[in-house]
Amino acid sequence: MVRALLDGRKTQTRRVVKPSGAHHIFQFRGKDEARSADEPTGEWAWCSAAHVVSDHIRCRYGKPGDRLWVRETFIAFGRWETRFSEKKGRDEWHFMDMTLETGQAYRFDGALPNAKRAGAAPAWWRRPSIHMPRAASRITLEVTGVRVERLDQITEDDARAEGAAPAWLDVDGETVNLGQPTYRQGFARLWRDINGDESWDANPWVWVVEFMVCAAIGQTANADESAGSGTRTDIPAVRPSDDTASLGTGNDILHLADDREDRGERA
């Protein structure tokens, strides 16, 4: 989805509202006396039944105006060392990121040397998005809208904004030909592949986060191809106090931005 972001084809993302099982969800609005207008408060009512507000929740993926930085598969310069884990009772490999201190720049494509972890000399290594430090991110997004709806309420235009490609739906390993392939069926197929058939069938409430790319820095050519088929960007995760948050990585795995370096994290 990196290419879809850079090309402007992905401007929405959907993630399941937690806790699940709500009867309905609506947004609280507050009265701004100075401007005599109702505006969203950022809080949502999680209702277990009609007219029963059980909890107040906030969208953990940001609010309009928040900036999000994107984590993706990247290439860093450094070396590996082992450290003993008291918890696991054994040595574990840790990657020591030396990219910036050696005057190098993070990369997203290009050939890699056939280096070994046991080697003492630093080298270029492909690193998973979960370990990307803030300094390596080349894409910044700005949230433009947040809403809640059922998963199957996604429209053809919304599915296209998700970056999905037109397709026929795939159920139980077999393609179901429902006329012309559509973006909506393509999104449903992608959702099932990532979250499982049962997630689509459950039709959960989802956060719909809309955004725009406000900065894309560095080399962008062939980003998806060079990073491999497993490359993807993921979910906006934000702290209210952060000026910039990060996109998480994986299936609903979230990471908060804290601007620290990822030096010494486990591989």
Protein backbone atom coordinates (compact mmCIF):
# COMPACT_ATOMS: atom_id res chain seq x y z
CA MET A 1 0.00 0.00 0.00
CA VAL A 2 3.04 2.31 0.03
CA ARG A 3 2.65 2.93 -3.68
CA ALA A 4 -1.09 3.57 -3.24
CA LEU A 5 -0.30 6.22 -0.60
CA LEU A 6 2.36 7.91 -2.71
CA ASP A 7 0.11 7.86 -5.77
CA GLY A 8 -2.80 9.33 -3.82
CA ARG A 9 -4.96 6.24 -4.36
CA LYS A 10 -5.27 5.40 -0.66
CA THR A 11 -6.97 8.09 1.41
CA GLN A 12 -8.95 5.95 3.88
CA THR A 13 -8.35 3.13 6.34
CA ARG A 14 -10.80 1.05 8.38
CA ARG A 15 -10.17 -0.61 11.73
CA VAL A 16 -12.48 -2.46 14.10
CA VAL A 17 -13.87 -0.46 17.02
CA LYS A 18 -12.87 -1.94 20.37
CA PRO A 19 -14.50 -3.08 22.52
CA SER A 20 -16.68 -4.86 19.99
CA GLY A 21 -20.36 -5.79 20.33
CA ALA A 22 -21.89 -2.32 20.46
CA HIS A 23 -25.57 -1.94 19.62
CA HIS A 24 -24.78 1.46 18.14
CA ILE A 25 -22.19 4.23 18.41
CA PHE A 26 -22.63 7.98 18.06
CA GLN A 27 -20.42 11.02 18.50
CA PHE A 28 -20.92 13.54 21.28
CA ARG A 29 -21.14 17.14 20.16
CA GLY A 30 -20.51 20.20 22.31
CA LYS A 31 -21.83 23.73 22.07
CA ASP A 32 -19.25 26.35 21.16
CA GLU A 33 -20.91 29.52 22.43
CA ALA A 34 -18.31 31.84 20.88
CA ARG A 35 -19.15 30.67 17.39
CA SER A 36 -22.69 29.46 18.10
CA ALA A 37 -22.00 26.12 16.47
CA ASP A 38 -22.05 22.49 17.49
CA GLU A 39 -18.69 20.80 17.03
CA PRO A 40 -17.49 17.23 17.65
CA THR A 41 -15.92 16.75 21.07
CA GLY A 42 -13.71 13.82 20.06
CA GLU A 43 -15.69 11.46 22.30
CA TRP A 44 -18.06 8.76 21.10
CA ALA A 45 -20.85 6.98 22.97
CA TRP A 46 -20.55 3.19 22.97
CA CYS A 47 -24.07 1.86 23.50
CA SER A 48 -24.88 -1.71 24.53
CA ALA A 49 -28.58 -1.25 23.74
CA ALA A 50 -30.93 1.40 22.41
CA HIS A 51 -30.72 4.57 24.56
CA VAL A 52 -28.13 2.91 26.86
CA VAL A 53 -24.72 4.64 26.89
CA SER A 54 -22.34 2.11 28.41
CA ASP A 55 -19.03 3.84 27.81
CA HIS A 56 -17.30 6.88 26.36
CA ILE A 57 -14.58 6.06 23.84
CA ARG A 58 -12.15 7.98 21.63
CA CYS A 59 -10.85 7.01 18.21
CA ARG A 60 -7.36 5.75 18.90
CA TYR A 61 -6.43 6.40 15.27
CA GLY A 62 -6.54 10.16 15.56
CA LYS A 63 -8.84 13.09 14.92
CA PRO A 64 -8.97 15.71 12.14
CA GLY A 65 -5.79 17.74 12.14
CA ASP A 66 -3.58 15.03 13.67
CA ARG A 67 -0.44 14.15 11.76
CA LEU A 68 0.61 10.54 11.35
CA TRP A 69 3.95 9.18 10.25
CA VAL A 70 4.10 6.02 8.21
CA ARG A 71 6.12 2.97 9.12
CA GLU A 72 7.09 0.67 6.26
CA THR A 73 9.72 -1.93 5.41
CA PHE A 74 13.05 -0.11 5.10
CA ILE A 75 16.80 -0.66 4.79
CA ALA A 76 19.14 0.40 7.60
CA PHE A 77 22.91 0.35 8.05
CA GLY A 78 24.19 -1.41 11.16
CA ARG A 79 25.33 -4.59 12.81
CA TRP A 80 23.97 -7.35 15.01
CA GLU A 81 24.99 -8.32 18.53
CA THR A 82 23.69 -10.81 21.05
CA ARG A 83 22.37 -9.97 24.50
CA PHE A 84 21.30 -12.32 27.23
CA SER A 85 17.57 -12.23 28.02
CA GLU A 86 16.89 -12.85 31.71
CA LYS A 87 13.23 -13.48 30.91
CA LYS A 88 13.90 -16.11 28.24
CA GLY A 89 17.11 -17.44 29.71
CA ARG A 90 19.04 -17.27 26.42
CA ASP A 91 20.90 -14.97 24.08
CA GLU A 92 18.90 -12.93 21.56
CA TRP A 93 20.01 -11.05 18.48
CA HIS A 94 19.64 -7.25 18.55
CA PHE A 95 20.15 -4.94 15.60
CA MET A 96 22.26 -1.86 16.26
CA ASP A 97 21.12 0.89 13.90
CA MET A 98 24.15 2.93 12.82
CA THR A 99 22.61 4.64 9.80
CA LEU A 100 22.60 8.25 10.99
CA GLU A 101 25.73 8.16 13.14
CA THR A 102 27.75 6.98 10.13
CA GLY A 103 26.35 9.72 7.89
CA GLN A 104 24.18 7.34 5.86
CA ALA A 105 20.57 7.77 4.75
CA TYR A 106 17.83 5.19 5.21
CA ARG A 107 16.92 3.38 2.01
CA PHE A 108 13.83 1.70 0.58
CA ASP A 109 15.27 -0.09 -2.44
CA GLY A 110 18.51 -1.36 -3.92
CA ALA A 111 20.60 -4.51 -3.63
CA LEU A 112 21.73 -5.85 -0.27
CA PRO A 113 25.07 -7.55 0.51
CA ASN A 114 25.09 -11.21 1.47
CA ALA A 115 26.05 -10.35 5.05
CA LYS A 116 25.77 -12.59 8.10
CA ARG A 117 24.59 -11.57 11.55
CA ALA A 118 27.73 -12.94 13.17
CA GLY A 119 29.92 -10.60 11.12
CA ALA A 120 31.58 -7.74 12.99
CA ALA A 121 31.44 -5.24 10.13
CA PRO A 122 28.23 -3.20 9.70
CA ALA A 123 26.20 -3.69 6.55
CA TRP A 124 22.84 -2.80 4.98
CA TRP A 125 19.92 -4.85 6.30
CA ARG A 126 16.25 -4.96 5.37
CA ARG A 127 14.23 -4.17 8.48
CA PRO A 128 10.51 -4.78 9.19
CA SER A 129 8.23 -1.79 9.59
CA ILE A 130 7.70 -2.51 13.30
CA HIS A 131 11.29 -1.38 13.93
CA MET A 132 11.24 1.79 11.82
CA PRO A 133 12.42 4.84 13.82
CA ARG A 134 10.78 8.21 13.31
CA ALA A 135 13.86 9.53 11.50
CA ALA A 136 13.51 6.90 8.76
CA SER A 137 9.89 7.70 7.87
CA ARG A 138 9.42 9.35 4.48
CA ILE A 139 5.63 9.78 4.48
CA THR A 140 3.54 12.02 6.75
CA LEU A 141 -0.26 12.02 6.64
CA GLU A 142 -2.84 14.42 8.02
CA VAL A 143 -6.20 13.12 9.28
CA THR A 144 -9.06 14.90 7.54
CA GLY A 145 -12.05 13.01 8.94
CA VAL A 146 -13.17 10.27 11.32
CA ARG A 147 -16.51 8.47 11.42
CA VAL A 148 -18.02 5.17 12.57
CA GLU A 149 -20.04 2.74 10.49
CA ARG A 150 -20.67 -0.96 9.96
CA LEU A 151 -18.05 -2.69 7.83
CA ASP A 152 -20.48 -3.68 5.08
CA GLN A 153 -21.61 -0.06 4.66
CA ILE A 154 -18.51 0.65 2.60
CA THR A 155 -19.41 2.11 -0.78
CA GLU A 156 -17.75 1.59 -4.13
CA ASP A 157 -16.09 5.01 -3.87
CA ASP A 158 -14.90 4.29 -0.32
CA ALA A 159 -13.46 0.92 -1.34
CA ARG A 160 -11.53 2.66 -4.11
CA ALA A 161 -10.28 5.22 -1.55
CA GLU A 162 -9.03 2.29 0.53
CA GLY A 163 -6.61 1.52 -2.30
CA ALA A 164 -8.36 -1.74 -3.17
CA ALA A 165 -8.22 -3.07 -6.73
CA PRO A 166 -11.37 -4.23 -8.54
CA ALA A 167 -11.89 -7.96 -8.01
CA TRP A 168 -14.41 -10.71 -7.56
CA LEU A 169 -15.08 -11.86 -4.03
CA ASP A 170 -13.19 -14.96 -2.86
CA VAL A 171 -15.08 -17.21 -0.42
CA ASP A 172 -13.68 -20.46 0.99
CA GLY A 173 -10.88 -20.40 -1.55
CA GLU A 174 -13.20 -20.12 -4.53
CA THR A 175 -13.89 -17.02 -6.60
CA VAL A 176 -17.54 -15.98 -6.66
CA ASN A 177 -18.30 -14.31 -9.97
CA LEU A 178 -20.82 -11.59 -9.19
CA GLY A 179 -20.82 -9.87 -12.55
CA GLN A 180 -18.14 -7.27 -13.20
CA PRO A 181 -15.33 -7.07 -10.62
CA THR A 182 -15.81 -4.12 -8.26
CA TYR A 183 -13.70 -2.13 -5.80
CA ARG A 184 -16.07 -3.16 -3.01
CA GLN A 185 -15.57 -6.85 -3.71
CA GLY A 186 -11.84 -6.22 -3.96
CA PHE A 187 -11.86 -4.59 -0.52
CA ALA A 188 -13.93 -7.44 0.93
CA ARG A 189 -11.44 -9.94 -0.45
CA LEU A 190 -8.52 -8.00 1.01
CA TRP A 191 -10.26 -7.70 4.40
CA ARG A 192 -10.93 -11.45 4.49
CA ASP A 193 -7.32 -12.21 3.58
CA ILE A 194 -6.00 -10.05 6.43
CA ASN A 195 -8.63 -10.50 9.15
CA GLY A 196 -10.32 -13.80 8.27
CA ASP A 197 -13.70 -14.66 6.81
CA GLU A 198 -15.32 -14.52 10.23
CA SER A 199 -14.40 -10.85 10.67
CA TRP A 200 -16.17 -9.82 7.47
CA ASP A 201 -19.19 -12.01 8.29
CA ALA A 202 -19.44 -10.44 11.78
CA ASN A 203 -19.93 -7.01 10.15
CA PRO A 204 -18.31 -5.11 13.05
CA TRP A 205 -18.40 -1.40 13.76
CA VAL A 206 -15.28 0.19 12.25
CA TRP A 207 -13.48 3.49 12.51
CA VAL A 208 -13.24 5.12 9.10
CA VAL A 209 -10.18 7.37 9.10
CA GLU A 210 -9.70 9.68 6.11
CA PHE A 211 -6.36 11.35 5.46
CA MET A 212 -4.18 13.10 2.91
CA VAL A 213 -0.47 12.85 2.25
CA CYS A 214 1.08 16.11 3.42
CA ALA A 215 4.75 15.07 3.03
CA ALA A 216 6.53 12.35 1.10
CA ILE A 217 10.31 12.64 1.31
CA GLY A 218 13.15 10.66 -0.19
CA GLN A 219 13.33 7.96 -2.82
CA THR A 220 9.93 6.62 -3.77
CA ALA A 221 10.47 4.68 -6.98
CA ASN A 222 9.76 0.97 -6.80
CA ALA A 223 9.07 1.11 -3.06
CA ASP A 224 6.56 -1.74 -3.09
CA GLU A 225 8.50 -3.89 -5.52
CA SER A 226 11.80 -3.59 -3.69
CA ALA A 227 10.34 -4.26 -0.26
CA GLY A 228 8.63 -7.45 -1.34
CA SER A 229 5.07 -8.69 -1.37
CA GLY A 230 4.79 -8.45 2.41
CA THR A 231 5.33 -4.71 2.48
CA ARG A 232 2.45 -2.59 3.65
CA THR A 233 1.66 0.46 5.68
CA ASP A 234 -0.98 0.17 8.30
CA ILE A 235 -2.98 1.76 10.98
CA PRO A 236 -2.82 5.32 12.28
CA ALA A 237 -2.17 5.25 16.04
CA VAL A 238 -2.10 8.55 17.90
CA ARG A 239 -1.58 9.99 21.36
CA PRO A 240 -3.57 13.16 22.01
CA SER A 241 -0.38 14.90 23.17
CA ASP A 242 1.61 13.99 20.06
CA ASP A 243 2.07 16.45 17.23
CA THR A 244 2.97 13.46 15.08
CA ALA A 245 1.94 9.84 15.55
CA SER A 246 2.76 6.70 13.63
CA LEU A 247 1.02 4.22 11.44
CA GLY A 248 1.17 0.86 13.11
CA THR A 249 2.06 -2.34 11.39
CA GLY A 250 0.50 -5.75 11.00
CA ASN A 251 -3.01 -6.92 11.63
CA ASP A 252 -4.28 -4.45 14.22
CA ILE A 253 -0.89 -4.16 15.95
CA LEU A 254 -0.52 -0.53 17.01
CA HIS A 255 2.54 1.53 17.82
CA LEU A 256 2.60 4.93 19.49
CA ALA A 257 5.07 7.52 18.27
CA ASP A 258 7.57 8.66 20.86
CA ASP A 259 10.40 9.93 18.64
CA ARG A 260 12.94 7.61 20.25
CA GLU A 261 15.45 5.70 18.17
CA ASP A 262 14.84 2.00 17.67
CA ARG A 263 18.43 1.18 18.51
CA GLY A 264 18.92 -2.14 20.19
CA GLU A 265 15.41 -3.48 19.59
CA ARG A 266 14.97 -7.17 18.95
CA ALA A 267 14.92 -8.37 15.35
